[in-house]
């Protein structure tokens, strides 16, 4: 293989590495080289940018073939070297860009997490977008046949790019959510999985048996497809017990204003309408290391509403103290709420 340092004596190490990878892609990569190539691409966004710059070499040559470009070059030795270098770079760029444009989206894999209080948007190579809520983890494993994502914990909203020939599947706690081009929200906690369809249609099946979660012995012909504005809540069995029977699930319609409240987390907001204080505290605790604790059973059932910043439990507590006769006491990393 041609030494990139000889071809590009004034280039940066990253540029030389890019040219070397171009040549390797042109002859084909082994499995080990593919893994190394992926690591190099993921190590620095600059590496991917260099591929794009080499791709631009073709346009600068007016879409000429490398041999044609060299033939039109003047006879001066230094100019012949420059023309040859341009031809080599152009040919390598064409091979590498074609390889990356096919291989990387088809074989993409990654693990993405958010910390407590974190919010992150992940742009996938197929054009889909995943937005992760607080304390969440997704693992992505794309193949040429299927786009597969696993939600290991937390909550995420998926906006799926359409591709009927290559399904998009989200695996979560023993169920699989199938979509083609749609948008939906999945929330996983210790006792349930919630699937809220915000656009289009999805199907939810049990991962092992392949049975539709929405069907049951009582209604085996129930529509297996969830449409926009509907929410599926699946009660999870004890983690220590295998799934030996159909999961218990319920489907309900969600009004547009309620859907906006349930998705308010994407704007770092928590919206409530007449919600028991214990549930409000539970939501704030998902986003903050300082935990709210209700120190009175009757107070826990009192209902409140409003729109609050998810990272500002102190502001919520002040509102309770100033308007509802509630006192707060600090105890370690807890704020204990009691009636005055």
C-alpha atoms as a PDB file:
ATOM      1  CA  UNK A   1       0.000   0.000   0.000  1.00  0.00           C
ATOM      2  CA  UNK A   2       1.230   3.523  -0.790  1.00  0.00           C
ATOM      3  CA  UNK A   3       2.681   5.301   2.217  1.00  0.00           C
ATOM      4  CA  UNK A   4       0.339   8.226   3.051  1.00  0.00           C
ATOM      5  CA  UNK A   5       3.257  10.159   4.555  1.00  0.00           C
ATOM      6  CA  UNK A   6       4.997  10.051   1.175  1.00  0.00           C
ATOM      7  CA  UNK A   7       1.887  11.159  -0.693  1.00  0.00           C
ATOM      8  CA  UNK A   8       0.949  13.878   1.823  1.00  0.00           C
ATOM      9  CA  UNK A   9       4.164  15.062   3.481  1.00  0.00           C
ATOM     10  CA  UNK A  10       2.545  18.176   4.996  1.00  0.00           C
ATOM     11  CA  UNK A  11      -0.641  16.461   6.160  1.00  0.00           C
ATOM     12  CA  UNK A  12      -1.726  16.039   9.758  1.00  0.00           C
ATOM     13  CA  UNK A  13      -1.642  12.558  11.333  1.00  0.00           C
ATOM     14  CA  UNK A  14      -5.438  12.394  11.050  1.00  0.00           C
ATOM     15  CA  UNK A  15      -5.325  13.201   7.324  1.00  0.00           C
ATOM     16  CA  UNK A  16      -2.693  10.547   6.727  1.00  0.00           C
ATOM     17  CA  UNK A  17      -4.762   8.030   8.681  1.00  0.00           C
ATOM     18  CA  UNK A  18      -7.824   8.962   6.610  1.00  0.00           C
ATOM     19  CA  UNK A  19      -5.985   8.333   3.344  1.00  0.00           C
ATOM     20  CA  UNK A  20      -4.647   5.035   4.650  1.00  0.00           C
ATOM     21  CA  UNK A  21      -8.160   3.935   5.570  1.00  0.00           C
ATOM     22  CA  UNK A  22      -9.369   4.983   2.105  1.00  0.00           C
ATOM     23  CA  UNK A  23      -6.916   2.554   0.552  1.00  0.00           C
ATOM     24  CA  UNK A  24      -7.898  -0.212   2.984  1.00  0.00           C
ATOM     25  CA  UNK A  25     -11.589   0.271   2.231  1.00  0.00           C
ATOM     26  CA  UNK A  26     -10.840   0.107  -1.453  1.00  0.00           C
ATOM     27  CA  UNK A  27      -9.321  -3.377  -1.207  1.00  0.00           C
ATOM     28  CA  UNK A  28     -11.899  -4.558   1.395  1.00  0.00           C
ATOM     29  CA  UNK A  29     -11.682  -4.947   5.165  1.00  0.00           C
ATOM     30  CA  UNK A  30     -11.426  -8.024   7.323  1.00  0.00           C
ATOM     31  CA  UNK A  31     -13.706  -8.387  10.364  1.00  0.00           C
ATOM     32  CA  UNK A  32     -10.903  -7.189  12.649  1.00  0.00           C
ATOM     33  CA  UNK A  33     -10.181  -4.218  10.396  1.00  0.00           C
ATOM     34  CA  UNK A  34     -13.877  -3.310  10.300  1.00  0.00           C
ATOM     35  CA  UNK A  35     -13.920  -3.145  14.104  1.00  0.00           C
ATOM     36  CA  UNK A  36     -10.749  -1.036  14.110  1.00  0.00           C
ATOM     37  CA  UNK A  37     -12.186   1.207  11.388  1.00  0.00           C
ATOM     38  CA  UNK A  38     -15.337   1.751  13.499  1.00  0.00           C
ATOM     39  CA  UNK A  39     -13.230   2.663  16.537  1.00  0.00           C
ATOM     40  CA  UNK A  40     -11.253   5.165  14.468  1.00  0.00           C
ATOM     41  CA  UNK A  41     -14.426   6.809  13.132  1.00  0.00           C
ATOM     42  CA  UNK A  42     -16.010   7.015  16.604  1.00  0.00           C
ATOM     43  CA  UNK A  43     -12.863   8.343  18.271  1.00  0.00           C
ATOM     44  CA  UNK A  44     -13.182  11.882  16.885  1.00  0.00           C
ATOM     45  CA  UNK A  45     -15.804  13.705  14.751  1.00  0.00           C
ATOM     46  CA  UNK A  46     -12.854  15.151  12.785  1.00  0.00           C
ATOM     47  CA  UNK A  47     -12.208  11.714  11.292  1.00  0.00           C
ATOM     48  CA  UNK A  48     -15.619  11.581   9.605  1.00  0.00           C
ATOM     49  CA  UNK A  49     -15.184  15.184   8.401  1.00  0.00           C
ATOM     50  CA  UNK A  50     -11.950  14.233   6.648  1.00  0.00           C
ATOM     51  CA  UNK A  51     -13.831  11.633   4.609  1.00  0.00           C
ATOM     52  CA  UNK A  52     -16.223  14.352   3.457  1.00  0.00           C
ATOM     53  CA  UNK A  53     -13.326  16.625   2.457  1.00  0.00           C
ATOM     54  CA  UNK A  54     -11.717  13.886   0.390  1.00  0.00           C
ATOM     55  CA  UNK A  55     -15.083  13.308  -1.240  1.00  0.00           C
ATOM     56  CA  UNK A  56     -15.032  16.946  -2.326  1.00  0.00           C
ATOM     57  CA  UNK A  57     -11.887  16.277  -4.349  1.00  0.00           C
ATOM     58  CA  UNK A  58     -14.014  14.571  -7.012  1.00  0.00           C
ATOM     59  CA  UNK A  59     -16.151  17.691  -7.419  1.00  0.00           C
ATOM     60  CA  UNK A  60     -13.060  19.906  -7.685  1.00  0.00           C
ATOM     61  CA  UNK A  61     -11.878  17.802 -10.612  1.00  0.00           C
ATOM     62  CA  UNK A  62     -15.187  18.376 -12.418  1.00  0.00           C
ATOM     63  CA  UNK A  63     -16.253  14.711 -12.114  1.00  0.00           C
ATOM     64  CA  UNK A  64     -13.222  13.657 -14.162  1.00  0.00           C
ATOM     65  CA  UNK A  65     -11.945  10.122 -14.020  1.00  0.00           C
ATOM     66  CA  UNK A  66      -8.529   9.868 -12.314  1.00  0.00           C
ATOM     67  CA  UNK A  67      -6.804   8.748 -15.540  1.00  0.00           C
ATOM     68  CA  UNK A  68      -8.413  11.571 -17.522  1.00  0.00           C
ATOM     69  CA  UNK A  69      -7.310  14.114 -14.924  1.00  0.00           C
ATOM     70  CA  UNK A  70      -3.747  12.854 -15.097  1.00  0.00           C
ATOM     71  CA  UNK A  71      -3.746  12.877 -18.925  1.00  0.00           C
ATOM     72  CA  UNK A  72      -4.789  16.536 -19.039  1.00  0.00           C
ATOM     73  CA  UNK A  73      -2.091  17.575 -16.537  1.00  0.00           C
ATOM     74  CA  UNK A  74       0.908  19.604 -17.840  1.00  0.00           C
ATOM     75  CA  UNK A  75       4.189  17.774 -18.365  1.00  0.00           C
ATOM     76  CA  UNK A  76       6.093  19.561 -15.568  1.00  0.00           C
ATOM     77  CA  UNK A  77       7.316  16.825 -13.169  1.00  0.00           C
ATOM     78  CA  UNK A  78       5.997  18.530 -10.016  1.00  0.00           C
ATOM     79  CA  UNK A  79       2.634  19.110 -11.680  1.00  0.00           C
ATOM     80  CA  UNK A  80       2.495  15.466 -12.767  1.00  0.00           C
ATOM     81  CA  UNK A  81       3.056  14.443  -9.146  1.00  0.00           C
ATOM     82  CA  UNK A  82       0.294  16.805  -8.012  1.00  0.00           C
ATOM     83  CA  UNK A  83      -2.104  15.437 -10.627  1.00  0.00           C
ATOM     84  CA  UNK A  84      -1.287  11.856  -9.653  1.00  0.00           C
ATOM     85  CA  UNK A  85      -1.846  12.695  -5.992  1.00  0.00           C
ATOM     86  CA  UNK A  86      -5.225  14.253  -6.814  1.00  0.00           C
ATOM     87  CA  UNK A  87      -6.166  11.166  -8.824  1.00  0.00           C
ATOM     88  CA  UNK A  88      -5.169   8.797  -5.999  1.00  0.00           C
ATOM     89  CA  UNK A  89      -7.063  10.847  -3.422  1.00  0.00           C
ATOM     90  CA  UNK A  90     -10.110  11.061  -5.661  1.00  0.00           C
ATOM     91  CA  UNK A  91     -10.204   7.333  -6.320  1.00  0.00           C
ATOM     92  CA  UNK A  92      -9.688   6.540  -2.634  1.00  0.00           C
ATOM     93  CA  UNK A  93     -12.385   9.035  -1.650  1.00  0.00           C
ATOM     94  CA  UNK A  94     -14.898   7.510  -4.046  1.00  0.00           C
ATOM     95  CA  UNK A  95     -14.218   4.040  -2.675  1.00  0.00           C
ATOM     96  CA  UNK A  96     -14.233   5.099   0.981  1.00  0.00           C
ATOM     97  CA  UNK A  97     -17.293   7.320   0.864  1.00  0.00           C
ATOM     98  CA  UNK A  98     -19.243   4.601  -0.911  1.00  0.00           C
ATOM     99  CA  UNK A  99     -18.111   2.084   1.680  1.00  0.00           C
ATOM    100  CA  UNK A 100     -18.967   4.292   4.657  1.00  0.00           C
ATOM    101  CA  UNK A 101     -22.344   5.349   3.227  1.00  0.00           C
ATOM    102  CA  UNK A 102     -23.339   1.680   2.950  1.00  0.00           C
ATOM    103  CA  UNK A 103     -21.520  -0.093   5.779  1.00  0.00           C
ATOM    104  CA  UNK A 104     -21.843   2.323   8.675  1.00  0.00           C
ATOM    105  CA  UNK A 105     -25.655   2.899   8.627  1.00  0.00           C
ATOM    106  CA  UNK A 106     -26.246  -0.817   8.019  1.00  0.00           C
ATOM    107  CA  UNK A 107     -24.034  -2.037  10.872  1.00  0.00           C
ATOM    108  CA  UNK A 108     -24.302   0.802  13.385  1.00  0.00           C
ATOM    109  CA  UNK A 109     -24.043  -0.109  17.070  1.00  0.00           C
ATOM    110  CA  UNK A 110     -23.763   2.057  20.167  1.00  0.00           C
ATOM    111  CA  UNK A 111     -24.714   2.364  23.817  1.00  0.00           C
ATOM    112  CA  UNK A 112     -26.072   5.731  24.983  1.00  0.00           C
ATOM    113  CA  UNK A 113     -27.007   6.747  28.528  1.00  0.00           C
ATOM    114  CA  UNK A 114     -28.161   9.779  30.473  1.00  0.00           C
ATOM    115  CA  UNK A 115     -27.417  10.592  34.103  1.00  0.00           C
ATOM    116  CA  UNK A 116     -30.034  11.576  36.668  1.00  0.00           C
ATOM    117  CA  UNK A 117     -31.522  14.828  35.402  1.00  0.00           C
ATOM    118  CA  UNK A 118     -29.944  14.354  31.968  1.00  0.00           C
ATOM    119  CA  UNK A 119     -31.594  14.839  28.584  1.00  0.00           C
ATOM    120  CA  UNK A 120     -29.973  13.740  25.331  1.00  0.00           C
ATOM    121  CA  UNK A 121     -30.969  13.425  21.676  1.00  0.00           C
ATOM    122  CA  UNK A 122     -29.368  10.703  19.578  1.00  0.00           C
ATOM    123  CA  UNK A 123     -29.404  11.049  15.773  1.00  0.00           C
ATOM    124  CA  UNK A 124     -29.174   7.572  14.257  1.00  0.00           C
ATOM    125  CA  UNK A 125     -27.503   6.987  10.854  1.00  0.00           C
ATOM    126  CA  UNK A 126     -30.808   5.953   9.215  1.00  0.00           C
ATOM    127  CA  UNK A 127     -32.346   9.364   9.953  1.00  0.00           C
ATOM    128  CA  UNK A 128     -34.263   8.248  13.050  1.00  0.00           C
ATOM    129  CA  UNK A 129     -33.996  10.227  16.268  1.00  0.00           C
ATOM    130  CA  UNK A 130     -34.088   9.023  19.884  1.00  0.00           C
ATOM    131  CA  UNK A 131     -34.528  11.431  22.800  1.00  0.00           C
ATOM    132  CA  UNK A 132     -33.520  10.007  26.169  1.00  0.00           C
ATOM    133  CA  UNK A 133     -35.040  11.164  29.444  1.00  0.00           C
ATOM    134  CA  UNK A 134     -33.369  11.154  32.861  1.00  0.00           C
ATOM    135  CA  UNK A 135     -31.464   8.051  33.972  1.00  0.00           C
ATOM    136  CA  UNK A 136     -32.005   6.179  30.711  1.00  0.00           C
ATOM    137  CA  UNK A 137     -29.968   3.706  28.680  1.00  0.00           C
ATOM    138  CA  UNK A 138     -30.442   2.491  25.101  1.00  0.00           C
ATOM    139  CA  UNK A 139     -28.344   0.003  23.153  1.00  0.00           C
ATOM    140  CA  UNK A 140     -28.475   0.231  19.359  1.00  0.00           C
ATOM    141  CA  UNK A 141     -27.610  -2.657  17.023  1.00  0.00           C
ATOM    142  CA  UNK A 142     -28.406  -2.094  13.337  1.00  0.00           C
ATOM    143  CA  UNK A 143     -28.025  -4.788  10.678  1.00  0.00           C
ATOM    144  CA  UNK A 144     -28.898  -4.685   6.964  1.00  0.00           C
ATOM    145  CA  UNK A 145     -32.148  -6.537   7.756  1.00  0.00           C
ATOM    146  CA  UNK A 146     -33.453  -4.776  10.870  1.00  0.00           C
ATOM    147  CA  UNK A 147     -32.900  -1.624  12.908  1.00  0.00           C
ATOM    148  CA  UNK A 148     -32.934  -2.801  16.523  1.00  0.00           C
ATOM    149  CA  UNK A 149     -32.754  -0.755  19.726  1.00  0.00           C
ATOM    150  CA  UNK A 150     -33.016  -1.980  23.315  1.00  0.00           C
ATOM    151  CA  UNK A 151     -34.297   0.273  26.107  1.00  0.00           C
ATOM    152  CA  UNK A 152     -32.514  -1.027  29.187  1.00  0.00           C
ATOM    153  CA  UNK A 153     -33.823   1.552  31.627  1.00  0.00           C
ATOM    154  CA  UNK A 154     -35.668   4.846  31.814  1.00  0.00           C
ATOM    155  CA  UNK A 155     -37.687   6.558  29.117  1.00  0.00           C
ATOM    156  CA  UNK A 156     -37.161   7.492  25.480  1.00  0.00           C
ATOM    157  CA  UNK A 157     -39.063   9.012  22.588  1.00  0.00           C
ATOM    158  CA  UNK A 158     -38.466   7.504  19.137  1.00  0.00           C
ATOM    159  CA  UNK A 159     -39.035   9.353  15.846  1.00  0.00           C
ATOM    160  CA  UNK A 160     -38.518   6.637  13.227  1.00  0.00           C
ATOM    161  CA  UNK A 161     -37.435   7.239   9.634  1.00  0.00           C
ATOM    162  CA  UNK A 162     -39.593   5.329   7.149  1.00  0.00           C
ATOM    163  CA  UNK A 163     -38.121   2.200   5.607  1.00  0.00           C
ATOM    164  CA  UNK A 164     -40.690  -0.611   5.169  1.00  0.00           C
ATOM    165  CA  UNK A 165     -37.990  -3.007   3.960  1.00  0.00           C
ATOM    166  CA  UNK A 166     -35.971  -2.597   7.160  1.00  0.00           C
ATOM    167  CA  UNK A 167     -38.160  -2.695  10.303  1.00  0.00           C
ATOM    168  CA  UNK A 168     -37.391  -0.620  13.380  1.00  0.00           C
ATOM    169  CA  UNK A 169     -37.802  -2.665  16.584  1.00  0.00           C
ATOM    170  CA  UNK A 170     -37.433  -1.547  20.194  1.00  0.00           C
ATOM    171  CA  UNK A 171     -36.958  -4.339  22.755  1.00  0.00           C
ATOM    172  CA  UNK A 172     -37.907  -3.530  26.335  1.00  0.00           C
ATOM    173  CA  UNK A 173     -38.568  -5.819  29.316  1.00  0.00           C
ATOM    174  CA  UNK A 174     -39.757  -8.839  27.345  1.00  0.00           C
ATOM    175  CA  UNK A 175     -41.760  -7.038  24.670  1.00  0.00           C
ATOM    176  CA  UNK A 176     -40.900  -5.785  21.187  1.00  0.00           C
ATOM    177  CA  UNK A 177     -42.319  -2.587  19.719  1.00  0.00           C
ATOM    178  CA  UNK A 178     -42.387  -2.740  15.895  1.00  0.00           C
ATOM    179  CA  UNK A 179     -42.569   0.412  13.774  1.00  0.00           C
ATOM    180  CA  UNK A 180     -41.860   1.497  10.211  1.00  0.00           C
ATOM    181  CA  UNK A 181     -42.267   5.267  10.085  1.00  0.00           C
ATOM    182  CA  UNK A 182     -43.828   6.641  13.225  1.00  0.00           C
ATOM    183  CA  UNK A 183     -43.170   8.264  16.612  1.00  0.00           C
ATOM    184  CA  UNK A 184     -43.763   6.812  20.041  1.00  0.00           C
ATOM    185  CA  UNK A 185     -42.711   7.134  23.674  1.00  0.00           C
ATOM    186  CA  UNK A 186     -41.647   4.224  25.897  1.00  0.00           C
ATOM    187  CA  UNK A 187     -41.326   4.435  29.660  1.00  0.00           C
ATOM    188  CA  UNK A 188     -39.921   1.551  31.687  1.00  0.00           C
ATOM    189  CA  UNK A 189     -40.157   1.299  35.461  1.00  0.00           C
ATOM    190  CA  UNK A 190     -40.021  -1.547  37.961  1.00  0.00           C
ATOM    191  CA  UNK A 191     -43.643  -2.576  37.524  1.00  0.00           C
ATOM    192  CA  UNK A 192     -44.718  -1.623  34.021  1.00  0.00           C
ATOM    193  CA  UNK A 193     -43.908  -0.642  30.452  1.00  0.00           C
ATOM    194  CA  UNK A 194     -45.863   2.239  28.906  1.00  0.00           C
ATOM    195  CA  UNK A 195     -46.007   2.723  25.129  1.00  0.00           C
ATOM    196  CA  UNK A 196     -47.584   5.991  23.953  1.00  0.00           C
ATOM    197  CA  UNK A 197     -47.999   6.386  20.179  1.00  0.00           C
ATOM    198  CA  UNK A 198     -47.630  10.041  19.183  1.00  0.00           C
ATOM    199  CA  UNK A 199     -47.703   9.518  15.404  1.00  0.00           C
ATOM    200  CA  UNK A 200     -48.444   6.636  13.026  1.00  0.00           C
ATOM    201  CA  UNK A 201     -48.880   3.019  14.095  1.00  0.00           C
ATOM    202  CA  UNK A 202     -46.920   0.410  16.072  1.00  0.00           C
ATOM    203  CA  UNK A 203     -47.352  -3.234  17.008  1.00  0.00           C
ATOM    204  CA  UNK A 204     -46.285  -4.608  20.389  1.00  0.00           C
ATOM    205  CA  UNK A 205     -45.487  -8.327  20.737  1.00  0.00           C
ATOM    206  CA  UNK A 206     -44.061 -10.539  23.434  1.00  0.00           C
ATOM    207  CA  UNK A 207     -40.409 -11.029  22.531  1.00  0.00           C
ATOM    208  CA  UNK A 208     -40.219 -14.790  23.133  1.00  0.00           C
ATOM    209  CA  UNK A 209     -43.630 -16.085  22.031  1.00  0.00           C
ATOM    210  CA  UNK A 210     -44.303 -13.468  19.360  1.00  0.00           C
ATOM    211  CA  UNK A 211     -47.872 -13.099  20.649  1.00  0.00           C
ATOM    212  CA  UNK A 212     -49.520  -9.724  20.322  1.00  0.00           C
ATOM    213  CA  UNK A 213     -49.607  -8.013  23.706  1.00  0.00           C
ATOM    214  CA  UNK A 214     -52.966  -6.399  22.915  1.00  0.00           C
ATOM    215  CA  UNK A 215     -54.639  -9.758  22.187  1.00  0.00           C
ATOM    216  CA  UNK A 216     -55.930 -11.990  25.003  1.00  0.00           C
ATOM    217  CA  UNK A 217     -57.861 -15.237  25.411  1.00  0.00           C
ATOM    218  CA  UNK A 218     -60.969 -13.132  26.014  1.00  0.00           C
ATOM    219  CA  UNK A 219     -60.448 -11.068  22.854  1.00  0.00           C
ATOM    220  CA  UNK A 220     -58.129 -12.998  20.520  1.00  0.00           C
ATOM    221  CA  UNK A 221     -59.182 -10.918  17.519  1.00  0.00           C
ATOM    222  CA  UNK A 222     -58.311  -7.578  19.121  1.00  0.00           C
ATOM    223  CA  UNK A 223     -56.509  -5.179  16.788  1.00  0.00           C
ATOM    224  CA  UNK A 224     -52.766  -5.785  17.352  1.00  0.00           C
ATOM    225  CA  UNK A 225     -51.897  -2.308  16.085  1.00  0.00           C
ATOM    226  CA  UNK A 226     -51.702   0.786  18.276  1.00  0.00           C
ATOM    227  CA  UNK A 227     -52.521   4.041  16.515  1.00  0.00           C
ATOM    228  CA  UNK A 228     -51.643   7.646  17.287  1.00  0.00           C
ATOM    229  CA  UNK A 229     -53.200   8.926  20.495  1.00  0.00           C
ATOM    230  CA  UNK A 230     -53.363   5.548  22.201  1.00  0.00           C
ATOM    231  CA  UNK A 231     -51.369   4.286  25.153  1.00  0.00           C
ATOM    232  CA  UNK A 232     -50.532   0.710  26.099  1.00  0.00           C
ATOM    233  CA  UNK A 233     -49.666  -0.081  29.736  1.00  0.00           C
ATOM    234  CA  UNK A 234     -48.132  -3.515  30.338  1.00  0.00           C
ATOM    235  CA  UNK A 235     -47.924  -4.865  33.869  1.00  0.00           C
ATOM    236  CA  UNK A 236     -44.593  -6.659  34.300  1.00  0.00           C
ATOM    237  CA  UNK A 237     -44.329  -9.945  36.194  1.00  0.00           C
ATOM    238  CA  UNK A 238     -41.920 -10.432  39.048  1.00  0.00           C
ATOM    239  CA  UNK A 239     -38.396 -10.199  37.621  1.00  0.00           C
ATOM    240  CA  UNK A 240     -37.508 -13.529  39.258  1.00  0.00           C
ATOM    241  CA  UNK A 241     -40.349 -15.362  37.494  1.00  0.00           C
ATOM    242  CA  UNK A 242     -40.260 -16.401  33.802  1.00  0.00           C
ATOM    243  CA  UNK A 243     -43.043 -15.194  31.510  1.00  0.00           C
ATOM    244  CA  UNK A 244     -45.244 -18.287  31.193  1.00  0.00           C
ATOM    245  CA  UNK A 245     -48.526 -16.637  30.286  1.00  0.00           C
ATOM    246  CA  UNK A 246     -49.622 -13.590  28.259  1.00  0.00           C
ATOM    247  CA  UNK A 247     -48.683 -10.269  29.780  1.00  0.00           C
ATOM    248  CA  UNK A 248     -51.461  -8.208  31.314  1.00  0.00           C
ATOM    249  CA  UNK A 249     -51.981  -5.076  29.253  1.00  0.00           C
ATOM    250  CA  UNK A 250     -54.495  -2.254  28.956  1.00  0.00           C
ATOM    251  CA  UNK A 251     -55.040   0.200  26.090  1.00  0.00           C
ATOM    252  CA  UNK A 252     -56.506   3.659  26.574  1.00  0.00           C
ATOM    253  CA  UNK A 253     -57.041   6.766  24.473  1.00  0.00           C
ATOM    254  CA  UNK A 254     -54.950   9.806  25.413  1.00  0.00           C
ATOM    255  CA  UNK A 255     -56.324  13.291  24.743  1.00  0.00           C
ATOM    256  CA  UNK A 256     -53.998  15.756  22.947  1.00  0.00           C
ATOM    257  CA  UNK A 257     -53.518  17.965  26.031  1.00  0.00           C
ATOM    258  CA  UNK A 258     -52.723  14.944  28.180  1.00  0.00           C
ATOM    259  CA  UNK A 259     -50.243  13.732  25.557  1.00  0.00           C
ATOM    260  CA  UNK A 260     -48.478  17.096  25.724  1.00  0.00           C
ATOM    261  CA  UNK A 261     -48.243  16.784  29.508  1.00  0.00           C
ATOM    262  CA  UNK A 262     -46.754  13.303  29.269  1.00  0.00           C
ATOM    263  CA  UNK A 263     -44.147  14.519  26.776  1.00  0.00           C
ATOM    264  CA  UNK A 264     -43.322  17.738  28.644  1.00  0.00           C
ATOM    265  CA  UNK A 265     -40.121  16.098  29.904  1.00  0.00           C
ATOM    266  CA  UNK A 266     -38.574  16.802  26.491  1.00  0.00           C
ATOM    267  CA  UNK A 267     -38.666  20.496  27.479  1.00  0.00           C
ATOM    268  CA  UNK A 268     -37.424  19.745  31.021  1.00  0.00           C
ATOM    269  CA  UNK A 269     -40.907  20.357  32.427  1.00  0.00           C
ATOM    270  CA  UNK A 270     -43.273  18.409  34.640  1.00  0.00           C
ATOM    271  CA  UNK A 271     -46.958  19.168  34.065  1.00  0.00           C
ATOM    272  CA  UNK A 272     -49.654  18.000  36.485  1.00  0.00           C
ATOM    273  CA  UNK A 273     -53.436  18.310  36.714  1.00  0.00           C
ATOM    274  CA  UNK A 274     -54.936  17.296  40.083  1.00  0.00           C
ATOM    275  CA  UNK A 275     -52.255  14.705  40.835  1.00  0.00           C
ATOM    276  CA  UNK A 276     -51.655  13.278  44.355  1.00  0.00           C
ATOM    277  CA  UNK A 277     -48.630  14.840  46.008  1.00  0.00           C
ATOM    278  CA  UNK A 278     -46.969  11.451  46.449  1.00  0.00           C
ATOM    279  CA  UNK A 279     -46.963  10.952  42.654  1.00  0.00           C
ATOM    280  CA  UNK A 280     -45.635  14.463  42.044  1.00  0.00           C
ATOM    281  CA  UNK A 281     -42.824  13.784  44.499  1.00  0.00           C
ATOM    282  CA  UNK A 282     -42.060  10.510  42.730  1.00  0.00           C
ATOM    283  CA  UNK A 283     -41.704  12.350  39.407  1.00  0.00           C
ATOM    284  CA  UNK A 284     -39.398  15.013  40.844  1.00  0.00           C
ATOM    285  CA  UNK A 285     -37.292  12.267  42.402  1.00  0.00           C
ATOM    286  CA  UNK A 286     -36.635  10.757  38.952  1.00  0.00           C
ATOM    287  CA  UNK A 287     -34.798  13.935  37.933  1.00  0.00           C
ATOM    288  CA  UNK A 288     -32.943  14.937  41.100  1.00  0.00           C
ATOM    289  CA  UNK A 289     -30.523  13.427  43.600  1.00  0.00           C
ATOM    290  CA  UNK A 290     -32.202  15.360  46.436  1.00  0.00           C
ATOM    291  CA  UNK A 291     -35.363  13.402  47.122  1.00  0.00           C
ATOM    292  CA  UNK A 292     -38.794  14.621  48.193  1.00  0.00           C
ATOM    293  CA  UNK A 293     -40.383  12.589  50.990  1.00  0.00           C
ATOM    294  CA  UNK A 294     -43.983  12.970  52.195  1.00  0.00           C
ATOM    295  CA  UNK A 295     -44.055  12.716  55.995  1.00  0.00           C
ATOM    296  CA  UNK A 296     -47.843  12.553  56.387  1.00  0.00           C
ATOM    297  CA  UNK A 297     -50.228   9.949  54.922  1.00  0.00           C
ATOM    298  CA  UNK A 298     -53.114  12.379  54.411  1.00  0.00           C
ATOM    299  CA  UNK A 299     -50.855  14.979  52.798  1.00  0.00           C
ATOM    300  CA  UNK A 300     -49.597  12.332  50.372  1.00  0.00           C
ATOM    301  CA  UNK A 301     -53.100  12.000  48.899  1.00  0.00           C
ATOM    302  CA  UNK A 302     -53.771  15.747  48.473  1.00  0.00           C
ATOM    303  CA  UNK A 303     -53.915  16.774  44.836  1.00  0.00           C
ATOM    304  CA  UNK A 304     -51.997  19.590  43.162  1.00  0.00           C
ATOM    305  CA  UNK A 305     -51.409  20.856  39.664  1.00  0.00           C
ATOM    306  CA  UNK A 306     -49.182  23.162  37.669  1.00  0.00           C
ATOM    307  CA  UNK A 307     -46.162  23.262  35.378  1.00  0.00           C
ATOM    308  CA  UNK A 308     -42.705  23.094  36.978  1.00  0.00           C
ATOM    309  CA  UNK A 309     -39.070  22.819  35.931  1.00  0.00           C
ATOM    310  CA  UNK A 310     -38.008  19.222  36.439  1.00  0.00           C
ATOM    311  CA  UNK A 311     -34.645  20.279  37.901  1.00  0.00           C
ATOM    312  CA  UNK A 312     -36.143  22.742  40.405  1.00  0.00           C
ATOM    313  CA  UNK A 313     -37.812  20.799  43.223  1.00  0.00           C
ATOM    314  CA  UNK A 314     -36.875  23.644  45.577  1.00  0.00           C
ATOM    315  CA  UNK A 315     -39.127  25.992  43.589  1.00  0.00           C
ATOM    316  CA  UNK A 316     -41.992  23.505  43.861  1.00  0.00           C
ATOM    317  CA  UNK A 317     -41.445  23.200  47.611  1.00  0.00           C
ATOM    318  CA  UNK A 318     -41.488  26.990  48.022  1.00  0.00           C
ATOM    319  CA  UNK A 319     -44.824  27.102  46.217  1.00  0.00           C
ATOM    320  CA  UNK A 320     -46.243  24.553  48.654  1.00  0.00           C
ATOM    321  CA  UNK A 321     -44.911  26.448  51.672  1.00  0.00           C
ATOM    322  CA  UNK A 322     -46.164  29.849  50.511  1.00  0.00           C
ATOM    323  CA  UNK A 323     -49.626  28.794  49.307  1.00  0.00           C
ATOM    324  CA  UNK A 324     -50.730  25.543  50.931  1.00  0.00           C
ATOM    325  CA  UNK A 325     -49.556  25.566  54.542  1.00  0.00           C
ATOM    326  CA  UNK A 326     -46.893  22.926  54.061  1.00  0.00           C
ATOM    327  CA  UNK A 327     -43.540  22.960  55.849  1.00  0.00           C
ATOM    328  CA  UNK A 328     -40.307  21.428  54.582  1.00  0.00           C
ATOM    329  CA  UNK A 329     -37.426  20.053  56.658  1.00  0.00           C
ATOM    330  CA  UNK A 330     -34.028  19.076  55.268  1.00  0.00           C
ATOM    331  CA  UNK A 331     -32.714  15.671  56.307  1.00  0.00           C
ATOM    332  CA  UNK A 332     -29.564  14.472  54.598  1.00  0.00           C
ATOM    333  CA  UNK A 333     -30.324  14.363  50.878  1.00  0.00           C
ATOM    334  CA  UNK A 334     -34.086  14.404  51.550  1.00  0.00           C
ATOM    335  CA  UNK A 335     -36.638  17.187  51.845  1.00  0.00           C
ATOM    336  CA  UNK A 336     -39.463  16.013  54.120  1.00  0.00           C
ATOM    337  CA  UNK A 337     -42.880  17.607  53.574  1.00  0.00           C
ATOM    338  CA  UNK A 338     -45.498  17.837  56.339  1.00  0.00           C
ATOM    339  CA  UNK A 339     -48.641  19.897  56.957  1.00  0.00           C
ATOM    340  CA  UNK A 340     -48.143  22.955  59.132  1.00  0.00           C
END
